[in-house]
Protein backbone atom coordinates (compact mmCIF):
# COMPACT_ATOMS: atom_id res chain seq x y z
CA UNK A 1 0.03 -0.07 -0.10
CA UNK A 2 2.68 2.70 0.67
CA UNK A 3 4.45 1.64 -2.81
CA UNK A 4 1.09 2.37 -4.43
CA UNK A 5 0.42 5.31 -2.67
CA UNK A 6 4.26 6.91 -3.34
CA UNK A 7 3.51 6.37 -6.72
CA UNK A 8 0.39 8.05 -6.82
CA UNK A 9 2.02 10.86 -5.17
CA UNK A 10 4.73 11.22 -7.85
CA UNK A 11 1.92 10.32 -10.62
CA UNK A 12 1.13 13.06 -13.43
CA UNK A 13 -2.18 12.65 -12.81
CA UNK A 14 -2.20 13.71 -9.16
CA UNK A 15 0.30 16.74 -9.81
CA UNK A 16 -2.17 17.73 -12.95
CA UNK A 17 -4.99 17.59 -9.90
CA UNK A 18 -3.13 19.64 -7.63
CA UNK A 19 -1.76 22.19 -10.28
CA UNK A 20 -5.61 22.68 -11.28
CA UNK A 21 -6.63 23.43 -7.49
CA UNK A 22 -4.00 25.60 -7.19
CA UNK A 23 -1.83 24.07 -4.24
CA UNK A 24 1.42 23.64 -6.45
CA UNK A 25 3.08 25.65 -8.79
CA UNK A 26 5.07 23.47 -11.52
CA UNK A 27 7.25 26.55 -12.40
CA UNK A 28 7.84 27.53 -9.05
CA UNK A 29 11.75 28.33 -8.93
CA UNK A 30 12.16 27.81 -12.43
CA UNK A 31 11.05 30.66 -13.80
CA UNK A 32 12.41 33.39 -11.68
CA UNK A 33 14.60 36.25 -13.02
CA UNK A 34 17.88 36.06 -11.77
CA UNK A 35 19.47 39.07 -10.30
CA UNK A 36 21.52 41.07 -13.11
CA UNK A 37 25.24 41.23 -13.17
CA UNK A 38 27.23 44.22 -13.33
CA UNK A 39 27.99 45.15 -16.90
CA UNK A 40 31.83 44.84 -18.38
CA UNK A 41 32.82 48.57 -18.63
CA UNK A 42 36.38 47.89 -19.60
CA UNK A 43 37.66 48.30 -22.87
CA UNK A 44 36.77 50.59 -25.76
CA UNK A 45 32.88 50.17 -25.07
CA UNK A 46 30.82 53.30 -25.56
CA UNK A 47 28.91 52.47 -22.49
CA UNK A 48 32.11 52.81 -20.44
CA UNK A 49 31.52 56.14 -18.78
CA UNK A 50 35.26 56.75 -18.45
CA UNK A 51 35.37 56.35 -22.56
CA UNK A 52 32.52 58.06 -23.34
CA UNK A 53 29.27 59.81 -21.50
CA UNK A 54 26.13 57.70 -22.09
CA UNK A 55 24.04 61.18 -21.84
CA UNK A 56 25.89 62.89 -24.82
CA UNK A 57 25.30 60.30 -27.28
CA UNK A 58 21.74 60.70 -26.31
CA UNK A 59 21.68 64.11 -26.97
CA UNK A 60 23.42 63.61 -30.14
CA UNK A 61 21.29 60.66 -31.58
CA UNK A 62 18.03 63.15 -30.80
CA UNK A 63 19.70 65.99 -31.99
CA UNK A 64 17.96 66.20 -35.74
CA UNK A 65 19.51 69.26 -36.76
CA UNK A 66 23.13 67.63 -36.96
CA UNK A 67 22.10 63.80 -37.39
CA UNK A 68 20.42 64.14 -40.71
CA UNK A 69 19.88 60.37 -40.65
CA UNK A 70 17.26 60.27 -37.71
CA UNK A 71 15.58 63.57 -39.00
CA UNK A 72 15.21 61.85 -42.44
CA UNK A 73 14.08 58.22 -40.73
CA UNK A 74 11.32 60.24 -38.74
CA UNK A 75 9.99 62.20 -41.81
CA UNK A 76 9.98 58.88 -43.62
CA UNK A 77 8.45 57.19 -40.99
CA UNK A 78 5.50 59.77 -40.60
CA UNK A 79 4.86 59.50 -44.13
CA UNK A 80 4.74 55.84 -44.47
CA UNK A 81 1.91 55.81 -41.37
CA UNK A 82 0.22 58.40 -43.14
CA UNK A 83 0.29 56.40 -46.46
CA UNK A 84 -0.20 53.03 -45.10
CA UNK A 85 -3.38 54.36 -42.92
CA UNK A 86 -4.70 56.09 -46.13
CA UNK A 87 -4.22 52.81 -48.53
CA UNK A 88 -6.09 50.81 -45.56
CA UNK A 89 -9.09 53.44 -45.99
CA UNK A 90 -8.96 52.91 -49.78
CA UNK A 91 -9.07 49.26 -49.31
CA UNK A 92 -12.21 49.25 -46.95
CA UNK A 93 -14.11 52.13 -49.09
CA UNK A 94 -13.02 49.92 -52.08
CA UNK A 95 -15.00 47.13 -50.31
CA UNK A 96 -18.01 48.89 -49.37
CA UNK A 97 -18.55 50.14 -52.70
CA UNK A 98 -19.04 46.30 -54.39
CA UNK A 99 -21.19 45.53 -51.59
CA UNK A 100 -24.87 44.45 -52.90
CA UNK A 101 -27.61 47.42 -52.38
CA UNK A 102 -29.81 46.77 -49.18
CA UNK A 103 -32.77 44.71 -50.37
CA UNK A 104 -31.18 44.12 -53.84
CA UNK A 105 -33.49 41.03 -55.02
CA UNK A 106 -30.48 39.61 -57.19
CA UNK A 107 -27.65 40.15 -54.47
CA UNK A 108 -25.99 37.39 -53.75
CA UNK A 109 -27.27 37.53 -49.75
CA UNK A 110 -30.54 36.86 -51.11
CA UNK A 111 -29.96 33.14 -52.57
CA UNK A 112 -32.08 29.78 -51.56
CA UNK A 113 -30.51 29.15 -48.45
CA UNK A 114 -32.29 32.89 -46.77
CA UNK A 115 -35.10 32.03 -48.63
CA UNK A 116 -35.52 28.60 -47.20
CA UNK A 117 -35.09 29.86 -43.91
CA UNK A 118 -38.22 32.16 -44.29
CA UNK A 119 -40.41 30.08 -46.39
CA UNK A 120 -39.56 26.28 -44.65
CA UNK A 121 -38.18 27.45 -41.21
CA UNK A 122 -41.23 27.27 -38.93
CA UNK A 123 -42.43 24.21 -40.60
CA UNK A 124 -39.24 22.51 -40.52
CA UNK A 125 -38.39 23.59 -37.01
CA UNK A 126 -41.50 24.68 -35.25
CA UNK A 127 -40.19 27.82 -34.05
CA UNK A 128 -41.96 31.26 -34.97
CA UNK A 129 -38.94 33.13 -34.01
CA UNK A 130 -36.78 33.15 -37.63
CA UNK A 131 -33.54 34.08 -35.80
CA UNK A 132 -33.57 31.22 -33.15
CA UNK A 133 -34.69 29.31 -35.99
CA UNK A 134 -31.86 29.99 -37.67
CA UNK A 135 -28.88 30.00 -34.63
CA UNK A 136 -30.03 26.91 -33.09
CA UNK A 137 -31.17 24.54 -35.47
CA UNK A 138 -29.80 25.55 -39.30
CA UNK A 139 -26.79 26.54 -37.72
CA UNK A 140 -26.78 24.90 -34.84
CA UNK A 141 -23.00 23.76 -35.59
CA UNK A 142 -21.95 27.24 -34.94
CA UNK A 143 -23.74 27.88 -31.59
CA UNK A 144 -22.68 24.49 -30.12
CA UNK A 145 -18.98 25.57 -30.94
CA UNK A 146 -19.60 28.96 -29.24
CA UNK A 147 -21.31 27.71 -25.96
CA UNK A 148 -17.95 25.35 -25.88
CA UNK A 149 -16.01 28.34 -26.43
CA UNK A 150 -17.72 29.95 -23.20
CA UNK A 151 -17.01 26.50 -21.49
CA UNK A 152 -13.48 26.66 -22.09
CA UNK A 153 -13.38 30.52 -21.39
CA UNK A 154 -14.13 29.72 -17.74
CA UNK A 155 -12.53 26.55 -17.23
CA UNK A 156 -9.10 28.61 -18.41
CA UNK A 157 -9.93 31.62 -16.03
CA UNK A 158 -10.55 29.16 -13.04
CA UNK A 159 -6.89 27.77 -13.79
CA UNK A 160 -5.12 31.05 -13.71
CA UNK A 161 -6.78 32.61 -11.25
CA UNK A 162 -8.58 30.10 -8.69
CA UNK A 163 -7.19 30.19 -4.88
CA UNK A 164 -6.72 27.48 -2.71
CA UNK A 165 -8.96 26.81 0.54
CA UNK A 166 -6.03 28.61 3.10
CA UNK A 167 -6.38 31.57 0.64
CA UNK A 168 -9.87 31.52 0.40
CA UNK A 169 -10.45 31.34 4.28
CA UNK A 170 -8.27 34.33 4.47
CA UNK A 171 -10.19 36.14 1.69
CA UNK A 172 -13.35 35.70 3.87
CA UNK A 173 -11.89 38.06 6.55
CA UNK A 174 -10.95 41.04 4.04
CA UNK A 175 -13.96 40.16 1.72
CA UNK A 176 -15.42 43.75 1.93
CA UNK A 177 -12.21 45.60 3.04
CA UNK A 178 -11.99 47.14 -0.70
CA UNK A 179 -15.91 47.51 -0.76
CA UNK A 180 -18.31 49.88 0.62
CA UNK A 181 -20.58 48.57 3.43
CA UNK A 182 -23.99 47.71 2.23
CA UNK A 183 -26.59 49.44 3.75
CA UNK A 184 -30.59 48.91 3.91
CA UNK A 185 -31.69 50.70 1.15
CA UNK A 186 -29.25 48.74 -1.01
CA UNK A 187 -30.24 45.18 0.53
CA UNK A 188 -33.69 45.95 0.40
CA UNK A 189 -33.96 47.16 -3.19
CA UNK A 190 -31.83 44.19 -4.14
CA UNK A 191 -34.16 41.72 -2.36
CA UNK A 192 -37.00 43.30 -4.99
CA UNK A 193 -35.16 43.33 -8.09
CA UNK A 194 -33.26 40.00 -8.03
CA UNK A 195 -36.13 38.02 -7.93
CA UNK A 196 -37.43 40.34 -10.95
CA UNK A 197 -34.25 39.67 -12.55
CA UNK A 198 -34.26 36.21 -12.60
CA UNK A 199 -37.73 35.83 -14.01
CA UNK A 200 -37.19 38.24 -16.79
CA UNK A 201 -34.12 36.39 -17.65
CA UNK A 202 -36.26 33.31 -17.40
CA UNK A 203 -38.89 34.72 -19.52
CA UNK A 204 -36.38 35.65 -22.31
CA UNK A 205 -34.92 31.90 -22.41
CA UNK A 206 -37.95 30.40 -22.44
CA UNK A 207 -39.83 32.63 -24.86
CA UNK A 208 -36.72 32.69 -27.25
CA UNK A 209 -38.50 30.14 -29.92
CA UNK A 210 -41.68 32.72 -29.81
CA UNK A 211 -40.01 36.29 -29.99
CA UNK A 212 -36.88 37.90 -29.73
CA UNK A 213 -34.59 36.54 -26.96
CA UNK A 214 -33.09 33.36 -25.91
CA UNK A 215 -30.22 31.58 -24.38
CA UNK A 216 -27.47 34.44 -24.58
CA UNK A 217 -29.63 36.98 -23.73
CA UNK A 218 -31.86 35.04 -21.02
CA UNK A 219 -28.51 34.16 -19.55
CA UNK A 220 -26.56 37.48 -19.14
CA UNK A 221 -29.81 38.67 -17.65
CA UNK A 222 -29.39 35.62 -15.17
CA UNK A 223 -25.84 36.50 -14.48
CA UNK A 224 -26.56 40.16 -14.16
CA UNK A 225 -28.73 39.25 -11.18
CA UNK A 226 -26.47 36.88 -9.54
CA UNK A 227 -23.30 39.55 -9.81
CA UNK A 228 -25.95 41.94 -8.12
CA UNK A 229 -27.08 39.98 -5.19
CA UNK A 230 -23.16 38.57 -4.24
CA UNK A 231 -22.16 42.68 -4.41
CA UNK A 232 -24.70 43.80 -1.73
CA UNK A 233 -24.71 40.33 0.23
CA UNK A 234 -21.26 39.10 -0.08
CA UNK A 235 -20.14 35.19 -1.49
CA UNK A 236 -21.07 33.85 2.25
CA UNK A 237 -24.91 34.38 1.73
CA UNK A 238 -24.66 33.56 -1.92
CA UNK A 239 -22.96 30.19 -1.57
CA UNK A 240 -26.23 29.04 0.51
CA UNK A 241 -27.92 28.41 -2.73
CA UNK A 242 -25.00 28.54 -5.55
CA UNK A 243 -21.40 27.22 -4.59
CA UNK A 244 -18.91 26.01 -6.44
CA UNK A 245 -20.40 22.51 -6.23
CA UNK A 246 -23.88 23.93 -7.57
CA UNK A 247 -21.63 26.02 -10.25
CA UNK A 248 -19.99 22.99 -11.40
CA UNK A 249 -23.12 20.65 -11.95
CA UNK A 250 -25.28 23.37 -13.73
CA UNK A 251 -22.73 24.40 -16.01
CA UNK A 252 -21.01 20.92 -16.91
CA UNK A 253 -24.62 19.21 -16.82
CA UNK A 254 -25.73 21.99 -19.55
CA UNK A 255 -22.85 21.32 -21.83
CA UNK A 256 -23.24 17.63 -21.68
CA UNK A 257 -27.17 17.93 -22.38
CA UNK A 258 -26.45 20.22 -25.10
CA UNK A 259 -23.76 17.89 -26.45
CA UNK A 260 -25.69 15.07 -26.18
CA UNK A 261 -28.88 17.11 -28.09
CA UNK A 262 -26.27 18.09 -31.21
CA UNK A 263 -25.06 14.31 -31.73
CA UNK A 264 -28.50 13.43 -31.84
CA UNK A 265 -29.10 16.32 -34.70
CA UNK A 266 -26.03 15.95 -36.35
CA UNK A 267 -26.61 12.03 -36.76
CA UNK A 268 -29.86 12.17 -37.90
CA UNK A 269 -28.85 15.19 -40.31
CA UNK A 270 -26.19 13.77 -41.83
CA UNK A 271 -27.84 10.13 -42.50
CA UNK A 272 -31.15 11.87 -44.00
CA UNK A 273 -32.70 10.07 -40.83
CA UNK A 274 -36.01 11.69 -40.04
CA UNK A 275 -36.06 13.09 -36.60
CA UNK A 276 -38.35 11.65 -33.76
CA UNK A 277 -38.65 14.68 -31.83
CA UNK A 278 -42.34 16.15 -32.13
CA UNK A 279 -42.09 20.03 -33.26
CA UNK A 280 -45.53 20.71 -31.59
CA UNK A 281 -47.90 23.32 -32.57
CA UNK A 282 -46.21 26.46 -33.39
CA UNK A 283 -46.80 29.69 -31.20
CA UNK A 284 -47.33 27.16 -27.98
CA UNK A 285 -44.86 27.49 -25.41
CA UNK A 286 -44.09 23.85 -25.75
CA UNK A 287 -43.08 23.78 -29.28
CA UNK A 288 -40.50 24.21 -31.77
CA UNK A 289 -38.94 20.61 -30.62
CA UNK A 290 -35.57 20.55 -28.87
CA UNK A 291 -34.70 24.48 -29.62
CA UNK A 292 -36.60 24.93 -26.24
CA UNK A 293 -34.05 22.84 -24.04
CA UNK A 294 -31.11 24.05 -26.14
CA UNK A 295 -32.18 27.60 -25.59
CA UNK A 296 -32.27 26.68 -21.08
CA UNK A 297 -28.79 25.16 -21.60
CA UNK A 298 -27.09 27.99 -23.29
CA UNK A 299 -28.82 30.36 -20.75
CA UNK A 300 -27.45 28.00 -18.11
CA UNK A 301 -24.23 28.31 -19.67
CA UNK A 302 -23.96 31.82 -20.52
CA UNK A 303 -25.06 32.52 -16.48
CA UNK A 304 -22.60 30.67 -15.23
CA UNK A 305 -19.83 31.85 -17.05
CA UNK A 306 -20.45 35.56 -16.46
CA UNK A 307 -20.90 34.81 -12.63
CA UNK A 308 -17.40 32.95 -12.62
CA UNK A 309 -16.07 35.52 -14.22
CA UNK A 310 -17.19 38.23 -11.37
CA UNK A 311 -16.44 35.91 -8.86
CA UNK A 312 -12.89 34.69 -9.74
CA UNK A 313 -11.43 38.00 -10.81
CA UNK A 314 -13.15 39.50 -7.40
CA UNK A 315 -12.18 37.15 -5.06
CA UNK A 316 -10.34 34.12 -6.61
CA UNK A 317 -13.21 31.15 -6.06
CA UNK A 318 -16.86 31.09 -5.84
């Protein structure tokens, strides 16, 4: 048993786990800057104060009246910068001039793809909102990639800024050191506003397939409500209903369920298999097939990401 424990302590997985948890730093002692040694000023070096004063060199180089090369270089540098800016402006204006006129029926943007979205979108997806239909159905692969980017971004911030348990315990004592003390008016208004913000955020998510909104905007609203609550009452009260364990379950669970859903869509679409998920009646809250659950998954992912960014930059933990 001792041999197994020793092997585990020195294993790559254990070192990686301790690094992610912030317990160890694999680069400690390896990347610190070495103390600068004194420069060798002997010989005929121009940096030798006995040979030539450095300030005299600087004054000579900055004197454009005597140093004609520096003066010419500065003039050419300024002219080149202006020419490059004018060239960039000309290229952009030329590109804009070649764009099709807005609303031109013969423009390349008005093709069979956009016509398919408008004419067959509601029939094929069951979503009344064409924007949500396009983002989560026809272009679901792009949206899934964006959601994965949010997950990876939050994970990277956790790895870089997460503090260990000892540091978090010390941070609790100074949690409000640099923040104004909350007063009764702020707390009462937060207790009134946060439930309304949460309710409005869920409304945006659940009606994303019927009206403007969806998972991204609704999740951002819920994340703003969480940030308002933790700013007013602190992390110790927020952790009563949203701690690190809850965050991990919600964030990983939402992305996992979203992945399973998209795998099903990718498989059926690539093999021209008819989907067995009912679309429902367009206009009803329970319609549009899996677009409604996907909106919920995306909203939870966005809300957790916003809260994680604030908590980690503010405190170093959830």
